[in-house]
Amino acid sequence: MKTARLDVRLDPEQKKLIEEAAALSGGTTSSFVQAALLEKARAVLREHRAVERIELSAEAFDQLVVDLEKPARTVPELLEQLGKAGS
């Protein structure tokens, strides 16, 4: 059961545009807006989550583990830049 509400303020031209599109799609204005909002919300969440999650093949993951287990090495250029940042 749908009980939550979301109010949106539009100018008259925006409202008319949405109402026309809803009519052409064969649904109500409410169902049209709901579908559009959900589609946009899901796209934003997918994009955000894709940035946070990196997918690797099994071979790439195994190589990453090997590389991470190697001893650290000093990078003189990085140390120089860090020294400049601390000044």
PDB file of N, CA and C in Angstrom:
ATOM      1  N   MET A   1       0.836  -1.177   0.000  1.00  0.00           N
ATOM      2  CA  MET A   1       0.000   0.000   0.000  1.00  0.00           C
ATOM      3  C   MET A   1       0.886   1.246   0.000  1.00  0.00           C
ATOM      4  N   LYS A   2       0.640   2.127  -0.911  1.00  0.00           N
ATOM      5  CA  LYS A   2       1.413   3.360  -1.025  1.00  0.00           C
ATOM      6  C   LYS A   2       0.825   4.418  -0.096  1.00  0.00           C
ATOM      7  N   THR A   3       1.663   4.885   0.850  1.00  0.00           N
ATOM      8  CA  THR A   3       1.182   5.901   1.782  1.00  0.00           C
ATOM      9  C   THR A   3       2.088   7.127   1.821  1.00  0.00           C
ATOM     10  N   ALA A   4       3.314   7.014   1.336  1.00  0.00           N
ATOM     11  CA  ALA A   4       4.249   8.140   1.376  1.00  0.00           C
ATOM     12  C   ALA A   4       3.958   9.103   0.231  1.00  0.00           C
ATOM     13  N   ARG A   5       4.192  10.385   0.496  1.00  0.00           N
ATOM     14  CA  ARG A   5       3.939  11.407  -0.529  1.00  0.00           C
ATOM     15  C   ARG A   5       5.224  12.155  -0.816  1.00  0.00           C
ATOM     16  N   LEU A   6       5.311  12.694  -2.005  1.00  0.00           N
ATOM     17  CA  LEU A   6       6.418  13.547  -2.415  1.00  0.00           C
ATOM     18  C   LEU A   6       5.812  14.701  -3.193  1.00  0.00           C
ATOM     19  N   ASP A   7       5.988  15.901  -2.684  1.00  0.00           N
ATOM     20  CA  ASP A   7       5.441  17.087  -3.355  1.00  0.00           C
ATOM     21  C   ASP A   7       6.544  17.758  -4.159  1.00  0.00           C
ATOM     22  N   VAL A   8       6.186  18.186  -5.359  1.00  0.00           N
ATOM     23  CA  VAL A   8       7.134  18.849  -6.248  1.00  0.00           C
ATOM     24  C   VAL A   8       6.490  20.118  -6.784  1.00  0.00           C
ATOM     25  N   ARG A   9       7.229  21.188  -6.751  1.00  0.00           N
ATOM     26  CA  ARG A   9       6.716  22.444  -7.306  1.00  0.00           C
ATOM     27  C   ARG A   9       7.228  22.596  -8.738  1.00  0.00           C
ATOM     28  N   LEU A  10       6.317  22.928  -9.635  1.00  0.00           N
ATOM     29  CA  LEU A  10       6.638  23.095 -11.049  1.00  0.00           C
ATOM     30  C   LEU A  10       6.057  24.406 -11.535  1.00  0.00           C
ATOM     31  N   ASP A  11       6.665  24.928 -12.603  1.00  0.00           N
ATOM     32  CA  ASP A  11       5.994  26.061 -13.229  1.00  0.00           C
ATOM     33  C   ASP A  11       4.939  25.480 -14.183  1.00  0.00           C
ATOM     34  N   PRO A  12       3.983  26.282 -14.632  1.00  0.00           N
ATOM     35  CA  PRO A  12       2.877  25.758 -15.456  1.00  0.00           C
ATOM     36  C   PRO A  12       3.339  25.036 -16.721  1.00  0.00           C
ATOM     37  N   GLU A  13       4.396  25.533 -17.357  1.00  0.00           N
ATOM     38  CA  GLU A  13       4.866  24.870 -18.589  1.00  0.00           C
ATOM     39  C   GLU A  13       5.424  23.481 -18.290  1.00  0.00           C
ATOM     40  N   GLN A  14       6.149  23.352 -17.183  1.00  0.00           N
ATOM     41  CA  GLN A  14       6.690  22.043 -16.818  1.00  0.00           C
ATOM     42  C   GLN A  14       5.555  21.054 -16.548  1.00  0.00           C
ATOM     43  N   LYS A  15       4.557  21.515 -15.811  1.00  0.00           N
ATOM     44  CA  LYS A  15       3.426  20.640 -15.491  1.00  0.00           C
ATOM     45  C   LYS A  15       2.704  20.193 -16.761  1.00  0.00           C
ATOM     46  N   LYS A  16       2.485  21.120 -17.673  1.00  0.00           N
ATOM     47  CA  LYS A  16       1.792  20.793 -18.924  1.00  0.00           C
ATOM     48  C   LYS A  16       2.604  19.779 -19.733  1.00  0.00           C
ATOM     49  N   LEU A  17       3.898  19.960 -19.806  1.00  0.00           N
ATOM     50  CA  LEU A  17       4.775  19.037 -20.530  1.00  0.00           C
ATOM     51  C   LEU A  17       4.666  17.633 -19.958  1.00  0.00           C
ATOM     52  N   ILE A  18       4.734  17.523 -18.642  1.00  0.00           N
ATOM     53  CA  ILE A  18       4.638  16.216 -17.985  1.00  0.00           C
ATOM     54  C   ILE A  18       3.269  15.597 -18.205  1.00  0.00           C
ATOM     55  N   GLU A  19       2.223  16.386 -18.107  1.00  0.00           N
ATOM     56  CA  GLU A  19       0.872  15.866 -18.327  1.00  0.00           C
ATOM     57  C   GLU A  19       0.684  15.363 -19.755  1.00  0.00           C
ATOM     58  N   GLU A  20       1.227  16.096 -20.724  1.00  0.00           N
ATOM     59  CA  GLU A  20       1.134  15.661 -22.126  1.00  0.00           C
ATOM     60  C   GLU A  20       1.882  14.352 -22.345  1.00  0.00           C
ATOM     61  N   ALA A  21       3.076  14.269 -21.797  1.00  0.00           N
ATOM     62  CA  ALA A  21       3.865  13.047 -21.951  1.00  0.00           C
ATOM     63  C   ALA A  21       3.174  11.871 -21.277  1.00  0.00           C
ATOM     64  N   ALA A  22       2.599  12.097 -20.121  1.00  0.00           N
ATOM     65  CA  ALA A  22       1.878  11.030 -19.417  1.00  0.00           C
ATOM     66  C   ALA A  22       0.688  10.548 -20.251  1.00  0.00           C
ATOM     67  N   ALA A  23      -0.046  11.488 -20.814  1.00  0.00           N
ATOM     68  CA  ALA A  23      -1.200  11.120 -21.643  1.00  0.00           C
ATOM     69  C   ALA A  23      -0.767  10.309 -22.856  1.00  0.00           C
ATOM     70  N   LEU A  24       0.325  10.729 -23.489  1.00  0.00           N
ATOM     71  CA  LEU A  24       0.812  10.005 -24.664  1.00  0.00           C
ATOM     72  C   LEU A  24       1.299   8.598 -24.309  1.00  0.00           C
ATOM     73  N   SER A  25       1.804   8.443 -23.091  1.00  0.00           N
ATOM     74  CA  SER A  25       2.295   7.119 -22.696  1.00  0.00           C
ATOM     75  C   SER A  25       1.163   6.216 -22.219  1.00  0.00           C
ATOM     76  N   GLY A  26      -0.046   6.790 -22.099  1.00  0.00           N
ATOM     77  CA  GLY A  26      -1.203   5.976 -21.748  1.00  0.00           C
ATOM     78  C   GLY A  26      -1.407   5.791 -20.256  1.00  0.00           C
ATOM     79  N   GLY A  27      -0.688   6.543 -19.449  1.00  0.00           N
ATOM     80  CA  GLY A  27      -0.845   6.403 -18.008  1.00  0.00           C
ATOM     81  C   GLY A  27      -1.270   7.704 -17.365  1.00  0.00           C
ATOM     82  N   THR A  28      -1.344   7.655 -16.056  1.00  0.00           N
ATOM     83  CA  THR A  28      -1.684   8.865 -15.314  1.00  0.00           C
ATOM     84  C   THR A  28      -0.432   9.717 -15.130  1.00  0.00           C
ATOM     85  N   THR A  29      -0.665  10.970 -14.801  1.00  0.00           N
ATOM     86  CA  THR A  29       0.467  11.850 -14.523  1.00  0.00           C
ATOM     87  C   THR A  29       1.257  11.317 -13.335  1.00  0.00           C
ATOM     88  N   SER A  30       0.559  10.867 -12.334  1.00  0.00           N
ATOM     89  CA  SER A  30       1.206  10.334 -11.134  1.00  0.00           C
ATOM     90  C   SER A  30       2.089   9.131 -11.470  1.00  0.00           C
ATOM     91  N   SER A  31       1.561   8.176 -12.233  1.00  0.00           N
ATOM     92  CA  SER A  31       2.350   6.982 -12.570  1.00  0.00           C
ATOM     93  C   SER A  31       3.532   7.342 -13.471  1.00  0.00           C
ATOM     94  N   PHE A  32       3.323   8.315 -14.353  1.00  0.00           N
ATOM     95  CA  PHE A  32       4.403   8.757 -15.240  1.00  0.00           C
ATOM     96  C   PHE A  32       5.541   9.383 -14.432  1.00  0.00           C
ATOM     97  N   VAL A  33       5.192  10.280 -13.519  1.00  0.00           N
ATOM     98  CA  VAL A  33       6.205  10.948 -12.690  1.00  0.00           C
ATOM     99  C   VAL A  33       6.899   9.931 -11.799  1.00  0.00           C
ATOM    100  N   GLN A  34       6.137   9.035 -11.215  1.00  0.00           N
ATOM    101  CA  GLN A  34       6.728   8.016 -10.350  1.00  0.00           C
ATOM    102  C   GLN A  34       7.738   7.164 -11.125  1.00  0.00           C
ATOM    103  N   ALA A  35       7.377   6.719 -12.315  1.00  0.00           N
ATOM    104  CA  ALA A  35       8.276   5.889 -13.122  1.00  0.00           C
ATOM    105  C   ALA A  35       9.539   6.663 -13.505  1.00  0.00           C
ATOM    106  N   ALA A  36       9.374   7.924 -13.898  1.00  0.00           N
ATOM    107  CA  ALA A  36      10.528   8.734 -14.297  1.00  0.00           C
ATOM    108  C   ALA A  36      11.467   8.971 -13.118  1.00  0.00           C
ATOM    109  N   LEU A  37      10.901   9.278 -11.955  1.00  0.00           N
ATOM    110  CA  LEU A  37      11.723   9.509 -10.770  1.00  0.00           C
ATOM    111  C   LEU A  37      12.466   8.250 -10.347  1.00  0.00           C
ATOM    112  N   LEU A  38      11.783   7.128 -10.362  1.00  0.00           N
ATOM    113  CA  LEU A  38      12.429   5.866  -9.974  1.00  0.00           C
ATOM    114  C   LEU A  38      13.534   5.486 -10.955  1.00  0.00           C
ATOM    115  N   GLU A  39      13.277   5.688 -12.243  1.00  0.00           N
ATOM    116  CA  GLU A  39      14.298   5.392 -13.255  1.00  0.00           C
ATOM    117  C   GLU A  39      15.551   6.238 -13.020  1.00  0.00           C
ATOM    118  N   LYS A  40      15.355   7.533 -12.788  1.00  0.00           N
ATOM    119  CA  LYS A  40      16.482   8.430 -12.553  1.00  0.00           C
ATOM    120  C   LYS A  40      17.211   8.074 -11.262  1.00  0.00           C
ATOM    121  N   ALA A  41      16.475   7.780 -10.206  1.00  0.00           N
ATOM    122  CA  ALA A  41      17.086   7.415  -8.926  1.00  0.00           C
ATOM    123  C   ALA A  41      17.928   6.149  -9.056  1.00  0.00           C
ATOM    124  N   ARG A  42      17.394   5.163  -9.760  1.00  0.00           N
ATOM    125  CA  ARG A  42      18.147   3.913  -9.947  1.00  0.00           C
ATOM    126  C   ARG A  42      19.410   4.147 -10.775  1.00  0.00           C
ATOM    127  N   ALA A  43      19.329   4.995 -11.790  1.00  0.00           N
ATOM    128  CA  ALA A  43      20.502   5.294 -12.626  1.00  0.00           C
ATOM    129  C   ALA A  43      21.586   5.984 -11.805  1.00  0.00           C
ATOM    130  N   VAL A  44      21.191   6.942 -10.983  1.00  0.00           N
ATOM    131  CA  VAL A  44      22.173   7.638 -10.138  1.00  0.00           C
ATOM    132  C   VAL A  44      22.815   6.667  -9.157  1.00  0.00           C
ATOM    133  N   LEU A  45      22.018   5.810  -8.552  1.00  0.00           N
ATOM    134  CA  LEU A  45      22.565   4.831  -7.603  1.00  0.00           C
ATOM    135  C   LEU A  45      23.489   3.837  -8.294  1.00  0.00           C
ATOM    136  N   ARG A  46      23.102   3.369  -9.488  1.00  0.00           N
ATOM    137  CA  ARG A  46      23.981   2.448 -10.238  1.00  0.00           C
ATOM    138  C   ARG A  46      25.317   3.104 -10.540  1.00  0.00           C
ATOM    139  N   GLU A  47      25.266   4.353 -11.010  1.00  0.00           N
ATOM    140  CA  GLU A  47      26.495   5.079 -11.347  1.00  0.00           C
ATOM    141  C   GLU A  47      27.360   5.267 -10.112  1.00  0.00           C
ATOM    142  N   HIS A  48      26.740   5.649  -9.020  1.00  0.00           N
ATOM    143  CA  HIS A  48      27.488   5.871  -7.780  1.00  0.00           C
ATOM    144  C   HIS A  48      28.117   4.575  -7.278  1.00  0.00           C
ATOM    145  N   ARG A  49      27.362   3.513  -7.322  1.00  0.00           N
ATOM    146  CA  ARG A  49      27.873   2.219  -6.840  1.00  0.00           C
ATOM    147  C   ARG A  49      28.942   1.663  -7.764  1.00  0.00           C
ATOM    148  N   ALA A  50      28.854   1.932  -9.056  1.00  0.00           N
ATOM    149  CA  ALA A  50      29.869   1.452 -10.001  1.00  0.00           C
ATOM    150  C   ALA A  50      31.206   2.112  -9.722  1.00  0.00           C
ATOM    151  N   VAL A  51      31.185   3.361  -9.276  1.00  0.00           N
ATOM    152  CA  VAL A  51      32.429   4.061  -8.953  1.00  0.00           C
ATOM    153  C   VAL A  51      33.044   3.464  -7.698  1.00  0.00           C
ATOM    154  N   GLU A  52      32.212   3.053  -6.757  1.00  0.00           N
ATOM    155  CA  GLU A  52      32.701   2.501  -5.495  1.00  0.00           C
ATOM    156  C   GLU A  52      33.194   1.065  -5.632  1.00  0.00           C
ATOM    157  N   ARG A  53      32.667   0.325  -6.591  1.00  0.00           N
ATOM    158  CA  ARG A  53      32.986  -1.093  -6.696  1.00  0.00           C
ATOM    159  C   ARG A  53      33.748  -1.362  -7.986  1.00  0.00           C
ATOM    160  N   ILE A  54      34.879  -2.004  -7.852  1.00  0.00           N
ATOM    161  CA  ILE A  54      35.677  -2.378  -9.015  1.00  0.00           C
ATOM    162  C   ILE A  54      35.583  -3.892  -9.167  1.00  0.00           C
ATOM    163  N   GLU A  55      35.213  -4.325 -10.337  1.00  0.00           N
ATOM    164  CA  GLU A  55      35.116  -5.757 -10.582  1.00  0.00           C
ATOM    165  C   GLU A  55      36.364  -6.235 -11.315  1.00  0.00           C
ATOM    166  N   LEU A  56      36.956  -7.302 -10.791  1.00  0.00           N
ATOM    167  CA  LEU A  56      38.160  -7.876 -11.385  1.00  0.00           C
ATOM    168  C   LEU A  56      37.907  -9.325 -11.778  1.00  0.00           C
ATOM    169  N   SER A  57      38.583  -9.754 -12.820  1.00  0.00           N
ATOM    170  CA  SER A  57      38.556 -11.175 -13.152  1.00  0.00           C
ATOM    171  C   SER A  57      39.351 -11.914 -12.073  1.00  0.00           C
ATOM    172  N   ALA A  58      39.197 -13.221 -12.024  1.00  0.00           N
ATOM    173  CA  ALA A  58      39.937 -14.012 -11.038  1.00  0.00           C
ATOM    174  C   ALA A  58      41.440 -13.843 -11.226  1.00  0.00           C
ATOM    175  N   GLU A  59      41.885 -13.793 -12.478  1.00  0.00           N
ATOM    176  CA  GLU A  59      43.321 -13.639 -12.751  1.00  0.00           C
ATOM    177  C   GLU A  59      43.818 -12.267 -12.288  1.00  0.00           C
ATOM    178  N   ALA A  60      43.054 -11.228 -12.567  1.00  0.00           N
ATOM    179  CA  ALA A  60      43.447  -9.877 -12.155  1.00  0.00           C
ATOM    180  C   ALA A  60      43.472  -9.770 -10.637  1.00  0.00           C
ATOM    181  N   PHE A  61      42.505 -10.403  -9.955  1.00  0.00           N
ATOM    182  CA  PHE A  61      42.494 -10.384  -8.498  1.00  0.00           C
ATOM    183  C   PHE A  61      43.712 -11.102  -7.941  1.00  0.00           C
ATOM    184  N   ASP A  62      44.029 -12.266  -8.511  1.00  0.00           N
ATOM    185  CA  ASP A  62      45.215 -13.014  -8.050  1.00  0.00           C
ATOM    186  C   ASP A  62      46.477 -12.185  -8.224  1.00  0.00           C
ATOM    187  N   GLN A  63      46.600 -11.470  -9.343  1.00  0.00           N
ATOM    188  CA  GLN A  63      47.772 -10.622  -9.572  1.00  0.00           C
ATOM    189  C   GLN A  63      47.810  -9.465  -8.581  1.00  0.00           C
ATOM    190  N   LEU A  64      46.669  -8.906  -8.270  1.00  0.00           N
ATOM    191  CA  LEU A  64      46.598  -7.828  -7.281  1.00  0.00           C
ATOM    192  C   LEU A  64      47.095  -8.314  -5.927  1.00  0.00           C
ATOM    193  N   VAL A  65      46.671  -9.493  -5.523  1.00  0.00           N
ATOM    194  CA  VAL A  65      47.117 -10.057  -4.244  1.00  0.00           C
ATOM    195  C   VAL A  65      48.627 -10.248  -4.256  1.00  0.00           C
ATOM    196  N   VAL A  66      49.162 -10.771  -5.336  1.00  0.00           N
ATOM    197  CA  VAL A  66      50.622 -10.954  -5.452  1.00  0.00           C
ATOM    198  C   VAL A  66      51.325  -9.609  -5.318  1.00  0.00           C
ATOM    199  N   ASP A  67      50.840  -8.606  -6.030  1.00  0.00           N
ATOM    200  CA  ASP A  67      51.460  -7.273  -5.991  1.00  0.00           C
ATOM    201  C   ASP A  67      51.363  -6.649  -4.604  1.00  0.00           C
ATOM    202  N   LEU A  68      50.261  -6.842  -3.930  1.00  0.00           N
ATOM    203  CA  LEU A  68      50.094  -6.271  -2.590  1.00  0.00           C
ATOM    204  C   LEU A  68      50.984  -6.952  -1.559  1.00  0.00           C
ATOM    205  N   GLU A  69      51.329  -8.207  -1.810  1.00  0.00           N
ATOM    206  CA  GLU A  69      52.171  -8.932  -0.862  1.00  0.00           C
ATOM    207  C   GLU A  69      53.657  -8.634  -1.054  1.00  0.00           C
ATOM    208  N   LYS A  70      54.030  -7.967  -2.136  1.00  0.00           N
ATOM    209  CA  LYS A  70      55.425  -7.598  -2.350  1.00  0.00           C
ATOM    210  C   LYS A  70      55.835  -6.544  -1.331  1.00  0.00           C
ATOM    211  N   PRO A  71      57.116  -6.547  -0.939  1.00  0.00           N
ATOM    212  CA  PRO A  71      57.564  -5.519   0.008  1.00  0.00           C
ATOM    213  C   PRO A  71      57.442  -4.122  -0.612  1.00  0.00           C
ATOM    214  N   ALA A  72      57.175  -3.163   0.257  1.00  0.00           N
ATOM    215  CA  ALA A  72      57.058  -1.778  -0.207  1.00  0.00           C
ATOM    216  C   ALA A  72      58.407  -1.291  -0.709  1.00  0.00           C
ATOM    217  N   ARG A  73      58.384  -0.359  -1.647  1.00  0.00           N
ATOM    218  CA  ARG A  73      59.620   0.237  -2.129  1.00  0.00           C
ATOM    219  C   ARG A  73      59.516   1.748  -2.017  1.00  0.00           C
ATOM    220  N   THR A  74      60.653   2.363  -1.863  1.00  0.00           N
ATOM    221  CA  THR A  74      60.701   3.814  -1.756  1.00  0.00           C
ATOM    222  C   THR A  74      60.676   4.424  -3.148  1.00  0.00           C
ATOM    223  N   VAL A  75      59.868   5.447  -3.311  1.00  0.00           N
ATOM    224  CA  VAL A  75      59.776   6.166  -4.576  1.00  0.00           C
ATOM    225  C   VAL A  75      60.290   7.582  -4.308  1.00  0.00           C
ATOM    226  N   PRO A  76      61.534   7.869  -4.736  1.00  0.00           N
ATOM    227  CA  PRO A  76      62.131   9.172  -4.411  1.00  0.00           C
ATOM    228  C   PRO A  76      61.276  10.357  -4.851  1.00  0.00           C
ATOM    229  N   GLU A  77      60.670  10.284  -6.020  1.00  0.00           N
ATOM    230  CA  GLU A  77      59.853  11.393  -6.506  1.00  0.00           C
ATOM    231  C   GLU A  77      58.664  11.651  -5.579  1.00  0.00           C
ATOM    232  N   LEU A  78      58.080  10.575  -5.062  1.00  0.00           N
ATOM    233  CA  LEU A  78      56.953  10.717  -4.144  1.00  0.00           C
ATOM    234  C   LEU A  78      57.413  11.339  -2.832  1.00  0.00           C
ATOM    235  N   LEU A  79      58.553  10.894  -2.324  1.00  0.00           N
ATOM    236  CA  LEU A  79      59.083  11.478  -1.092  1.00  0.00           C
ATOM    237  C   LEU A  79      59.365  12.965  -1.274  1.00  0.00           C
ATOM    238  N   GLU A  80      59.875  13.324  -2.439  1.00  0.00           N
ATOM    239  CA  GLU A  80      60.158  14.745  -2.727  1.00  0.00           C
ATOM    240  C   GLU A  80      58.864  15.556  -2.704  1.00  0.00           C
ATOM    241  N   GLN A  81      57.817  15.037  -3.356  1.00  0.00           N
ATOM    242  CA  GLN A  81      56.537  15.737  -3.386  1.00  0.00           C
ATOM    243  C   GLN A  81      55.923  15.847  -2.001  1.00  0.00           C
ATOM    244  N   LEU A  82      56.059  14.784  -1.209  1.00  0.00           N
ATOM    245  CA  LEU A  82      55.528  14.823   0.157  1.00  0.00           C
ATOM    246  C   LEU A  82      56.291  15.846   0.991  1.00  0.00           C
ATOM    247  N   GLY A  83      57.595  15.958   0.764  1.00  0.00           N
ATOM    248  CA  GLY A  83      58.388  16.960   1.481  1.00  0.00           C
ATOM    249  C   GLY A  83      57.937  18.365   1.131  1.00  0.00           C
ATOM    250  N   LYS A  84      57.613  18.603  -0.140  1.00  0.00           N
ATOM    251  CA  LYS A  84      57.133  19.925  -0.566  1.00  0.00           C
ATOM    252  C   LYS A  84      55.775  20.222   0.056  1.00  0.00           C
ATOM    253  N   ALA A  85      54.934  19.212   0.171  1.00  0.00           N
ATOM    254  CA  ALA A  85      53.600  19.426   0.706  1.00  0.00           C
ATOM    255  C   ALA A  85      53.649  19.783   2.185  1.00  0.00           C
ATOM    256  N   GLY A  86      54.668  19.282   2.889  1.00  0.00           N
ATOM    257  CA  GLY A  86      54.799  19.550   4.309  1.00  0.00           C
ATOM    258  C   GLY A  86      55.435  20.892   4.618  1.00  0.00           C
ATOM    259  N   SER A  87      55.942  21.583   3.613  1.00  0.00           N
ATOM    260  CA  SER A  87      56.632  22.849   3.850  1.00  0.00           C
ATOM    261  C   SER A  87      55.663  23.989   4.043  1.00  0.00           C
TER     262      SER A  87
END
